[in-house]
């Protein structure tokens, strides 16, 4: 069942987000995204964005799921829709904006490389292509993330960091 969801998610992405599906050796392994369901919500073709592709995705990580250290070929903004999102930057960093009160955003934070970070509903994390990180759902409920990314159209969307330590 898990493999079938993975194949369906890849099929949906193939229609709207080719850079996420470009050939990459790790994608041939058994479920590198650990049961994560990826839904393409929209995007702009590379022809309109001069070699870049803007994509909007919803990622749902089941309880206990982990995605090994990876980076992306462009800037990414992730918003936690529900659940608990744990991450750790292997290299580079990002900017966290915590959910605010009455629609006003909270203060921005810049985590240290290697620091364990937890984000919750309404929190946002932004980072660029120089950042590599892990993704985990430590909670008992599914983790739902909305991700907007401006990716190079000629590179895979997930570039797994072989040899890099995953979150402990």
N, C-alpha and C. Protein backbone atom coordinates (compact mmCIF):
# COMPACT_ATOMS: atom_id res chain seq x y z
N UNK A 1 0.83 -1.20 0.00
CA UNK A 1 0.00 0.00 0.00
C UNK A 1 0.87 1.25 0.00
N UNK A 2 1.93 1.24 0.82
CA UNK A 2 2.83 2.39 0.92
C UNK A 2 3.48 2.66 -0.44
N UNK A 3 3.95 1.61 -1.11
CA UNK A 3 4.59 1.78 -2.41
C UNK A 3 3.59 2.32 -3.44
N UNK A 4 2.34 1.88 -3.35
CA UNK A 4 1.33 2.35 -4.30
C UNK A 4 1.08 3.86 -4.13
N UNK A 5 1.01 4.34 -2.85
CA UNK A 5 0.83 5.78 -2.62
C UNK A 5 2.01 6.55 -3.20
N UNK A 6 3.21 6.02 -3.03
CA UNK A 6 4.42 6.65 -3.54
C UNK A 6 4.35 6.76 -5.07
N UNK A 7 3.94 5.69 -5.74
CA UNK A 7 3.83 5.71 -7.19
C UNK A 7 2.76 6.70 -7.64
N UNK A 8 1.64 6.75 -6.95
CA UNK A 8 0.58 7.71 -7.30
C UNK A 8 1.07 9.14 -7.13
N UNK A 9 1.76 9.40 -6.03
CA UNK A 9 2.29 10.75 -5.80
C UNK A 9 3.29 11.12 -6.89
N UNK A 10 4.17 10.21 -7.26
CA UNK A 10 5.13 10.49 -8.33
C UNK A 10 4.43 10.74 -9.65
N UNK A 11 3.36 10.00 -9.92
CA UNK A 11 2.61 10.20 -11.16
C UNK A 11 1.98 11.58 -11.21
N UNK A 12 1.40 12.01 -10.08
CA UNK A 12 0.82 13.36 -10.03
C UNK A 12 1.89 14.42 -10.24
N UNK A 13 3.02 14.25 -9.61
CA UNK A 13 4.09 15.23 -9.75
C UNK A 13 4.65 15.27 -11.16
N UNK A 14 4.66 14.15 -11.84
CA UNK A 14 5.20 14.11 -13.19
C UNK A 14 4.44 15.05 -14.12
N UNK A 15 3.18 15.27 -13.82
CA UNK A 15 2.37 16.15 -14.65
C UNK A 15 2.68 17.62 -14.44
N UNK A 16 3.11 18.01 -13.24
CA UNK A 16 3.26 19.43 -12.96
C UNK A 16 4.61 19.85 -12.43
N UNK A 17 5.43 18.93 -11.98
CA UNK A 17 6.69 19.33 -11.35
C UNK A 17 7.85 18.43 -11.77
N UNK A 18 8.24 18.43 -13.06
CA UNK A 18 9.30 17.56 -13.54
C UNK A 18 10.60 17.66 -12.77
N UNK A 19 11.04 18.82 -12.23
CA UNK A 19 12.32 18.80 -11.55
C UNK A 19 12.34 17.91 -10.31
N UNK A 20 11.20 17.66 -9.72
CA UNK A 20 11.16 16.80 -8.55
C UNK A 20 11.34 15.34 -8.93
N UNK A 21 11.19 15.01 -10.20
CA UNK A 21 11.22 13.62 -10.61
C UNK A 21 12.38 13.27 -11.52
N UNK A 22 13.29 14.21 -11.75
CA UNK A 22 14.43 13.92 -12.61
C UNK A 22 15.18 12.73 -12.05
N UNK A 23 15.80 11.98 -12.94
CA UNK A 23 16.49 10.76 -12.52
C UNK A 23 17.51 11.05 -11.42
N UNK A 24 17.43 10.28 -10.36
CA UNK A 24 18.36 10.40 -9.25
C UNK A 24 18.48 9.02 -8.64
N UNK A 25 19.71 8.55 -8.40
CA UNK A 25 19.87 7.18 -7.92
C UNK A 25 19.10 6.85 -6.65
N UNK A 26 18.94 7.79 -5.75
CA UNK A 26 18.25 7.48 -4.49
C UNK A 26 16.78 7.19 -4.74
N UNK A 27 16.19 7.81 -5.77
CA UNK A 27 14.77 7.58 -6.03
C UNK A 27 14.49 6.15 -6.47
N UNK A 28 15.52 5.41 -6.83
CA UNK A 28 15.33 4.02 -7.20
C UNK A 28 15.25 3.13 -5.96
N UNK A 29 15.65 3.65 -4.80
CA UNK A 29 15.59 2.86 -3.58
C UNK A 29 14.14 2.72 -3.11
N UNK A 30 13.94 1.82 -2.16
CA UNK A 30 12.60 1.58 -1.65
C UNK A 30 12.12 2.75 -0.81
N UNK A 31 11.20 3.52 -1.34
CA UNK A 31 10.51 4.59 -0.63
C UNK A 31 11.46 5.55 0.10
N UNK A 32 12.29 6.33 -0.63
CA UNK A 32 13.23 7.24 0.02
C UNK A 32 12.54 8.33 0.83
N UNK A 33 11.28 8.58 0.55
CA UNK A 33 10.56 9.61 1.30
C UNK A 33 9.75 9.00 2.44
N UNK A 34 10.01 7.76 2.80
CA UNK A 34 9.47 7.10 3.99
C UNK A 34 7.95 7.22 4.13
N UNK A 35 7.23 6.93 3.05
CA UNK A 35 5.78 6.94 3.12
C UNK A 35 5.14 8.30 2.94
N UNK A 36 5.95 9.32 2.71
CA UNK A 36 5.42 10.67 2.52
C UNK A 36 4.61 10.75 1.23
N UNK A 37 3.44 11.35 1.32
CA UNK A 37 2.61 11.58 0.14
C UNK A 37 2.85 13.01 -0.31
N UNK A 38 3.20 13.18 -1.58
CA UNK A 38 3.47 14.50 -2.15
C UNK A 38 2.39 14.80 -3.18
N UNK A 39 1.68 15.92 -2.97
CA UNK A 39 0.64 16.33 -3.91
C UNK A 39 1.07 17.63 -4.57
N UNK A 40 1.03 17.67 -5.89
CA UNK A 40 1.33 18.91 -6.62
C UNK A 40 0.05 19.76 -6.64
N UNK A 41 0.14 20.96 -6.12
CA UNK A 41 -1.03 21.85 -6.07
C UNK A 41 -1.01 22.89 -7.19
N UNK A 42 0.15 23.13 -7.76
CA UNK A 42 0.24 24.10 -8.86
C UNK A 42 1.68 24.39 -9.19
N UNK A 43 1.88 25.14 -10.25
CA UNK A 43 3.23 25.50 -10.64
C UNK A 43 3.24 26.35 -11.89
N UNK A 44 4.43 26.85 -12.20
CA UNK A 44 4.65 27.64 -13.41
C UNK A 44 5.73 26.94 -14.20
N UNK A 45 5.52 26.78 -15.49
CA UNK A 45 6.47 26.05 -16.32
C UNK A 45 7.80 26.78 -16.41
N UNK A 46 8.89 26.02 -16.69
CA UNK A 46 10.22 26.63 -16.81
C UNK A 46 10.28 27.69 -17.91
N UNK A 47 9.45 27.55 -18.94
CA UNK A 47 9.47 28.53 -20.03
C UNK A 47 9.05 29.90 -19.54
N UNK A 48 8.17 29.95 -18.55
CA UNK A 48 7.70 31.23 -18.03
C UNK A 48 8.63 31.80 -16.97
N UNK A 49 9.50 30.96 -16.40
CA UNK A 49 10.33 31.39 -15.28
C UNK A 49 11.83 31.33 -15.58
N UNK A 50 12.21 31.38 -16.85
CA UNK A 50 13.61 31.43 -17.27
C UNK A 50 14.50 30.39 -16.60
N UNK A 51 14.24 29.11 -16.87
CA UNK A 51 15.08 28.05 -16.34
C UNK A 51 14.76 27.62 -14.92
N UNK A 52 13.77 28.22 -14.34
CA UNK A 52 13.33 27.87 -12.99
C UNK A 52 11.88 27.42 -13.10
N UNK A 53 11.44 26.65 -12.13
CA UNK A 53 10.05 26.22 -12.08
C UNK A 53 9.53 26.47 -10.68
N UNK A 54 8.45 27.22 -10.59
CA UNK A 54 7.79 27.49 -9.32
C UNK A 54 6.78 26.38 -9.08
N UNK A 55 6.88 25.71 -7.92
CA UNK A 55 5.94 24.64 -7.60
C UNK A 55 5.34 24.86 -6.22
N UNK A 56 4.11 24.44 -6.06
CA UNK A 56 3.43 24.46 -4.77
C UNK A 56 3.01 23.03 -4.48
N UNK A 57 3.45 22.51 -3.33
CA UNK A 57 3.22 21.12 -2.98
C UNK A 57 2.62 21.00 -1.59
N UNK A 58 1.90 19.91 -1.38
CA UNK A 58 1.47 19.52 -0.03
C UNK A 58 2.14 18.19 0.25
N UNK A 59 2.87 18.13 1.35
CA UNK A 59 3.54 16.91 1.77
C UNK A 59 2.89 16.42 3.05
N UNK A 60 2.55 15.15 3.09
CA UNK A 60 1.96 14.55 4.29
C UNK A 60 2.87 13.42 4.74
N UNK A 61 3.50 13.60 5.90
CA UNK A 61 4.38 12.60 6.47
C UNK A 61 3.63 11.85 7.54
N UNK A 62 3.56 10.52 7.45
CA UNK A 62 2.88 9.76 8.49
C UNK A 62 3.66 9.83 9.80
N UNK A 63 3.02 9.51 10.92
CA UNK A 63 3.72 9.51 12.21
C UNK A 63 4.99 8.66 12.14
N UNK A 64 6.08 9.22 12.65
CA UNK A 64 7.35 8.50 12.68
C UNK A 64 8.16 8.57 11.41
N UNK A 65 7.63 9.17 10.33
CA UNK A 65 8.35 9.21 9.05
C UNK A 65 9.56 10.13 9.14
N UNK A 66 10.60 9.76 8.38
CA UNK A 66 11.82 10.57 8.29
C UNK A 66 12.27 10.63 6.85
N UNK A 67 12.72 11.79 6.43
CA UNK A 67 13.33 11.95 5.11
C UNK A 67 14.78 12.32 5.37
N UNK A 68 15.68 11.52 4.81
CA UNK A 68 17.11 11.70 5.06
C UNK A 68 17.59 13.07 4.58
N UNK A 69 18.81 13.42 4.96
CA UNK A 69 19.41 14.70 4.60
C UNK A 69 19.35 14.92 3.09
N UNK A 70 18.90 16.12 2.71
CA UNK A 70 18.77 16.46 1.29
C UNK A 70 18.83 17.98 1.13
N UNK A 71 18.96 18.40 -0.10
CA UNK A 71 18.86 19.82 -0.44
C UNK A 71 17.98 19.92 -1.68
N UNK A 72 17.76 21.14 -2.14
CA UNK A 72 16.94 21.39 -3.31
C UNK A 72 17.68 22.38 -4.21
N UNK A 73 17.43 22.33 -5.52
CA UNK A 73 18.13 23.24 -6.43
C UNK A 73 17.44 24.60 -6.53
N UNK A 74 17.18 25.22 -5.40
CA UNK A 74 16.52 26.53 -5.38
C UNK A 74 15.94 26.82 -4.02
N UNK A 75 15.34 27.98 -3.91
CA UNK A 75 14.77 28.45 -2.64
C UNK A 75 13.46 27.72 -2.33
N UNK A 76 13.23 27.47 -1.04
CA UNK A 76 12.04 26.75 -0.58
C UNK A 76 11.45 27.49 0.62
N UNK A 77 10.12 27.55 0.68
CA UNK A 77 9.41 28.05 1.86
C UNK A 77 8.42 26.97 2.25
N UNK A 78 8.50 26.55 3.52
CA UNK A 78 7.62 25.50 4.05
C UNK A 78 6.77 26.10 5.17
N UNK A 79 5.47 25.84 5.12
CA UNK A 79 4.56 26.23 6.20
C UNK A 79 3.94 24.97 6.78
N UNK A 80 3.94 24.88 8.10
CA UNK A 80 3.34 23.73 8.77
C UNK A 80 1.83 23.97 8.83
N UNK A 81 1.08 23.11 8.16
CA UNK A 81 -0.38 23.21 8.19
C UNK A 81 -0.92 22.53 9.45
N UNK A 82 -0.38 21.34 9.77
CA UNK A 82 -0.77 20.64 11.00
C UNK A 82 0.31 19.64 11.37
N UNK A 83 0.37 19.31 12.65
CA UNK A 83 1.35 18.36 13.14
C UNK A 83 2.60 19.03 13.65
N UNK A 84 3.61 18.21 13.90
CA UNK A 84 4.90 18.68 14.40
C UNK A 84 5.97 18.35 13.37
N UNK A 85 6.72 19.37 12.96
CA UNK A 85 7.78 19.23 11.96
C UNK A 85 9.12 19.38 12.65
N UNK A 86 9.92 18.33 12.62
CA UNK A 86 11.27 18.38 13.19
C UNK A 86 12.26 18.39 12.04
N UNK A 87 13.26 19.25 12.14
CA UNK A 87 14.29 19.32 11.11
C UNK A 87 15.61 19.70 11.74
N UNK A 88 16.67 19.45 11.00
CA UNK A 88 18.01 19.82 11.43
C UNK A 88 18.79 20.15 10.17
N UNK A 89 19.44 21.30 10.15
CA UNK A 89 20.26 21.68 9.00
C UNK A 89 21.61 20.99 9.10
N UNK A 90 21.97 20.29 8.04
CA UNK A 90 23.26 19.62 7.94
C UNK A 90 24.31 20.63 7.50
N UNK A 91 23.92 21.49 6.58
CA UNK A 91 24.77 22.61 6.16
C UNK A 91 23.86 23.75 5.75
N UNK A 92 24.37 24.96 5.86
CA UNK A 92 23.54 26.13 5.58
C UNK A 92 22.55 26.35 6.72
N UNK A 93 21.60 27.20 6.47
CA UNK A 93 20.61 27.52 7.49
C UNK A 93 19.37 28.08 6.82
N UNK A 94 18.42 28.46 7.63
CA UNK A 94 17.18 29.03 7.13
C UNK A 94 16.66 30.06 8.11
N UNK A 95 15.49 30.56 7.80
CA UNK A 95 14.84 31.53 8.67
C UNK A 95 13.49 30.97 9.08
N UNK A 96 13.27 30.91 10.39
CA UNK A 96 11.99 30.44 10.94
C UNK A 96 11.17 31.66 11.32
N UNK A 97 9.91 31.66 10.92
CA UNK A 97 8.97 32.67 11.39
C UNK A 97 7.87 31.91 12.11
N UNK A 98 7.77 32.14 13.40
CA UNK A 98 6.78 31.44 14.22
C UNK A 98 5.39 32.02 13.97
N UNK A 99 4.38 31.18 14.15
CA UNK A 99 3.00 31.64 14.02
C UNK A 99 2.79 32.80 14.98
N UNK A 100 2.16 33.81 14.50
CA UNK A 100 1.96 35.00 15.33
C UNK A 100 0.61 35.00 16.01
N UNK A 101 0.31 36.12 16.59
CA UNK A 101 -0.96 36.32 17.28
C UNK A 101 -1.77 37.32 16.47
N UNK A 102 -3.06 37.03 16.27
CA UNK A 102 -3.97 37.91 15.53
C UNK A 102 -3.45 38.27 14.14
N UNK A 103 -2.83 37.30 13.46
CA UNK A 103 -2.39 37.50 12.09
C UNK A 103 -1.04 38.17 11.93
N UNK A 104 -0.46 38.67 13.00
CA UNK A 104 0.87 39.29 12.93
C UNK A 104 1.92 38.20 13.08
N UNK A 105 2.91 38.15 12.18
CA UNK A 105 3.92 37.10 12.30
C UNK A 105 4.77 37.27 13.56
N UNK A 106 5.27 36.15 14.05
CA UNK A 106 6.17 36.19 15.20
C UNK A 106 7.55 36.62 14.78
N UNK A 107 8.45 36.70 15.72
CA UNK A 107 9.83 37.11 15.44
C UNK A 107 10.54 36.05 14.61
N UNK A 108 11.44 36.49 13.73
CA UNK A 108 12.23 35.58 12.91
C UNK A 108 13.37 34.99 13.75
N UNK A 109 13.68 33.73 13.48
CA UNK A 109 14.77 33.03 14.16
C UNK A 109 15.68 32.43 13.10
N UNK A 110 16.98 32.37 13.38
CA UNK A 110 17.93 31.70 12.50
C UNK A 110 18.59 30.59 13.29
N UNK A 111 18.21 29.33 13.02
CA UNK A 111 18.80 28.22 13.77
C UNK A 111 20.26 28.00 13.38
N UNK A 112 21.01 27.43 14.30
CA UNK A 112 22.41 27.06 14.05
C UNK A 112 22.45 25.75 13.25
N UNK A 113 23.49 25.58 12.44
CA UNK A 113 23.69 24.30 11.76
C UNK A 113 23.83 23.21 12.81
N UNK A 114 23.10 22.11 12.62
CA UNK A 114 23.14 21.00 13.56
C UNK A 114 22.11 21.07 14.68
N UNK A 115 21.49 22.24 14.86
CA UNK A 115 20.50 22.42 15.92
C UNK A 115 19.20 21.72 15.57
N UNK A 116 18.64 20.96 16.51
CA UNK A 116 17.33 20.34 16.31
C UNK A 116 16.26 21.41 16.43
N UNK A 117 15.33 21.43 15.48
CA UNK A 117 14.29 22.46 15.43
C UNK A 117 12.94 21.77 15.37
N UNK A 118 11.95 22.29 16.07
CA UNK A 118 10.57 21.82 15.94
C UNK A 118 9.69 22.99 15.56
N UNK A 119 8.85 22.76 14.55
CA UNK A 119 7.89 23.76 14.12
C UNK A 119 6.50 23.17 14.26
N UNK A 120 5.52 24.07 14.47
CA UNK A 120 4.14 23.65 14.68
C UNK A 120 3.23 24.43 13.75
N UNK A 121 1.95 24.12 13.76
CA UNK A 121 0.98 24.73 12.85
C UNK A 121 1.14 26.26 12.80
N UNK A 122 1.25 26.77 11.59
CA UNK A 122 1.40 28.21 11.37
C UNK A 122 2.83 28.69 11.29
N UNK A 123 3.80 27.87 11.73
CA UNK A 123 5.21 28.24 11.64
C UNK A 123 5.70 28.06 10.20
N UNK A 124 6.67 28.90 9.81
CA UNK A 124 7.21 28.87 8.45
C UNK A 124 8.73 28.77 8.50
N UNK A 125 9.29 28.03 7.56
CA UNK A 125 10.74 27.89 7.41
C UNK A 125 11.11 28.21 5.97
N UNK A 126 12.05 29.14 5.77
CA UNK A 126 12.52 29.51 4.43
C UNK A 126 14.02 29.25 4.35
N UNK A 127 14.47 28.70 3.23
CA UNK A 127 15.90 28.45 3.04
C UNK A 127 16.21 28.41 1.55
N UNK A 128 17.51 28.53 1.23
CA UNK A 128 17.89 28.52 -0.18
C UNK A 128 18.63 27.24 -0.54
N UNK A 129 19.12 27.18 -1.76
CA UNK A 129 19.71 25.95 -2.27
C UNK A 129 21.02 25.56 -1.59
N UNK A 130 21.60 26.44 -0.83
CA UNK A 130 22.84 26.12 -0.12
C UNK A 130 22.57 25.36 1.18
N UNK A 131 21.31 25.14 1.51
CA UNK A 131 20.95 24.48 2.77
C UNK A 131 20.62 23.00 2.53
N UNK A 132 21.12 22.16 3.41
CA UNK A 132 20.77 20.74 3.41
C UNK A 132 20.17 20.42 4.77
N UNK A 133 19.10 19.63 4.79
CA UNK A 133 18.43 19.37 6.06
C UNK A 133 17.72 18.02 6.04
N UNK A 134 17.29 17.61 7.23
CA UNK A 134 16.49 16.41 7.39
C UNK A 134 15.04 16.83 7.64
N UNK A 135 14.12 15.90 7.51
CA UNK A 135 12.70 16.17 7.79
C UNK A 135 12.15 14.97 8.57
N UNK A 136 11.46 15.25 9.68
CA UNK A 136 10.91 14.18 10.51
C UNK A 136 9.54 14.57 11.05
N UNK A 137 8.71 13.55 11.24
CA UNK A 137 7.45 13.72 11.95
C UNK A 137 7.56 12.94 13.26
N UNK A 138 7.90 13.63 14.37
CA UNK A 138 8.02 12.94 15.65
C UNK A 138 6.68 12.74 16.36
N UNK A 139 5.61 13.27 15.79
CA UNK A 139 4.31 13.22 16.45
C UNK A 139 3.54 11.95 16.19
N UNK A 140 2.39 11.86 16.85
CA UNK A 140 1.49 10.71 16.71
C UNK A 140 0.45 10.93 15.61
N UNK A 141 0.40 12.14 15.05
CA UNK A 141 -0.55 12.49 13.99
C UNK A 141 0.22 12.75 12.70
N UNK A 142 -0.46 12.67 11.53
CA UNK A 142 0.22 13.03 10.28
C UNK A 142 0.71 14.48 10.34
N UNK A 143 1.84 14.73 9.71
CA UNK A 143 2.40 16.07 9.56
C UNK A 143 2.06 16.54 8.16
N UNK A 144 1.40 17.70 8.05
CA UNK A 144 1.04 18.24 6.74
C UNK A 144 1.80 19.55 6.55
N UNK A 145 2.57 19.61 5.45
CA UNK A 145 3.36 20.78 5.11
C UNK A 145 2.93 21.32 3.76
N UNK A 146 2.92 22.63 3.63
CA UNK A 146 2.75 23.27 2.33
C UNK A 146 4.12 23.81 1.94
N UNK A 147 4.58 23.48 0.76
CA UNK A 147 5.91 23.90 0.31
C UNK A 147 5.81 24.62 -1.01
N UNK A 148 6.43 25.78 -1.07
CA UNK A 148 6.55 26.53 -2.31
C UNK A 148 8.04 26.57 -2.62
N UNK A 149 8.40 26.24 -3.86
CA UNK A 149 9.82 26.18 -4.21
C UNK A 149 10.03 26.76 -5.60
N UNK A 150 11.12 27.49 -5.74
CA UNK A 150 11.55 28.01 -7.04
C UNK A 150 12.81 27.23 -7.40
N UNK A 151 12.64 26.18 -8.20
CA UNK A 151 13.70 25.20 -8.44
C UNK A 151 14.28 25.33 -9.84
N UNK A 152 15.55 24.98 -9.97
CA UNK A 152 16.18 24.88 -11.28
C UNK A 152 15.45 23.78 -12.04
N UNK A 153 15.05 24.05 -13.28
CA UNK A 153 14.23 23.09 -14.01
C UNK A 153 15.02 21.91 -14.55
N UNK A 154 16.34 21.97 -14.53
CA UNK A 154 17.14 20.88 -15.10
C UNK A 154 17.81 20.02 -14.03
N UNK A 155 17.36 20.11 -12.78
CA UNK A 155 17.94 19.31 -11.70
C UNK A 155 16.82 18.63 -10.93
N UNK A 156 17.15 17.52 -10.24
CA UNK A 156 16.12 16.86 -9.43
C UNK A 156 15.71 17.74 -8.27
N UNK A 157 14.47 17.66 -7.87
CA UNK A 157 13.96 18.49 -6.78
C UNK A 157 14.49 18.09 -5.42
N UNK A 158 14.70 16.79 -5.20
CA UNK A 158 15.31 16.30 -3.97
C UNK A 158 16.70 15.79 -4.33
N UNK A 159 17.72 16.40 -3.74
CA UNK A 159 19.10 15.95 -3.96
C UNK A 159 19.58 15.40 -2.61
N UNK A 160 19.53 14.07 -2.49
CA UNK A 160 19.85 13.43 -1.22
C UNK A 160 21.34 13.51 -0.96
N UNK A 161 21.69 13.75 0.29
CA UNK A 161 23.07 13.97 0.72
C UNK A 161 23.66 12.66 1.20
N UNK A 162 24.19 11.89 0.31
CA UNK A 162 24.79 10.62 0.71
C UNK A 162 26.01 10.89 1.57
N UNK A 163 26.15 10.09 2.63
CA UNK A 163 27.29 10.24 3.52
C UNK A 163 27.08 11.28 4.60
N UNK A 164 26.01 12.07 4.53
CA UNK A 164 25.72 13.05 5.57
C UNK A 164 24.95 12.37 6.69
N UNK A 165 25.22 12.75 7.90
CA UNK A 165 24.52 12.16 9.05
C UNK A 165 23.07 12.64 9.09
N UNK A 166 22.17 11.73 9.35
CA UNK A 166 20.76 12.10 9.51
C UNK A 166 20.54 12.57 10.94
N UNK A 167 19.34 13.14 11.18
CA UNK A 167 19.00 13.61 12.53
C UNK A 167 19.07 12.46 13.51
N UNK A 168 19.54 12.77 14.69
CA UNK A 168 19.66 11.72 15.70
C UNK A 168 18.38 11.60 16.49
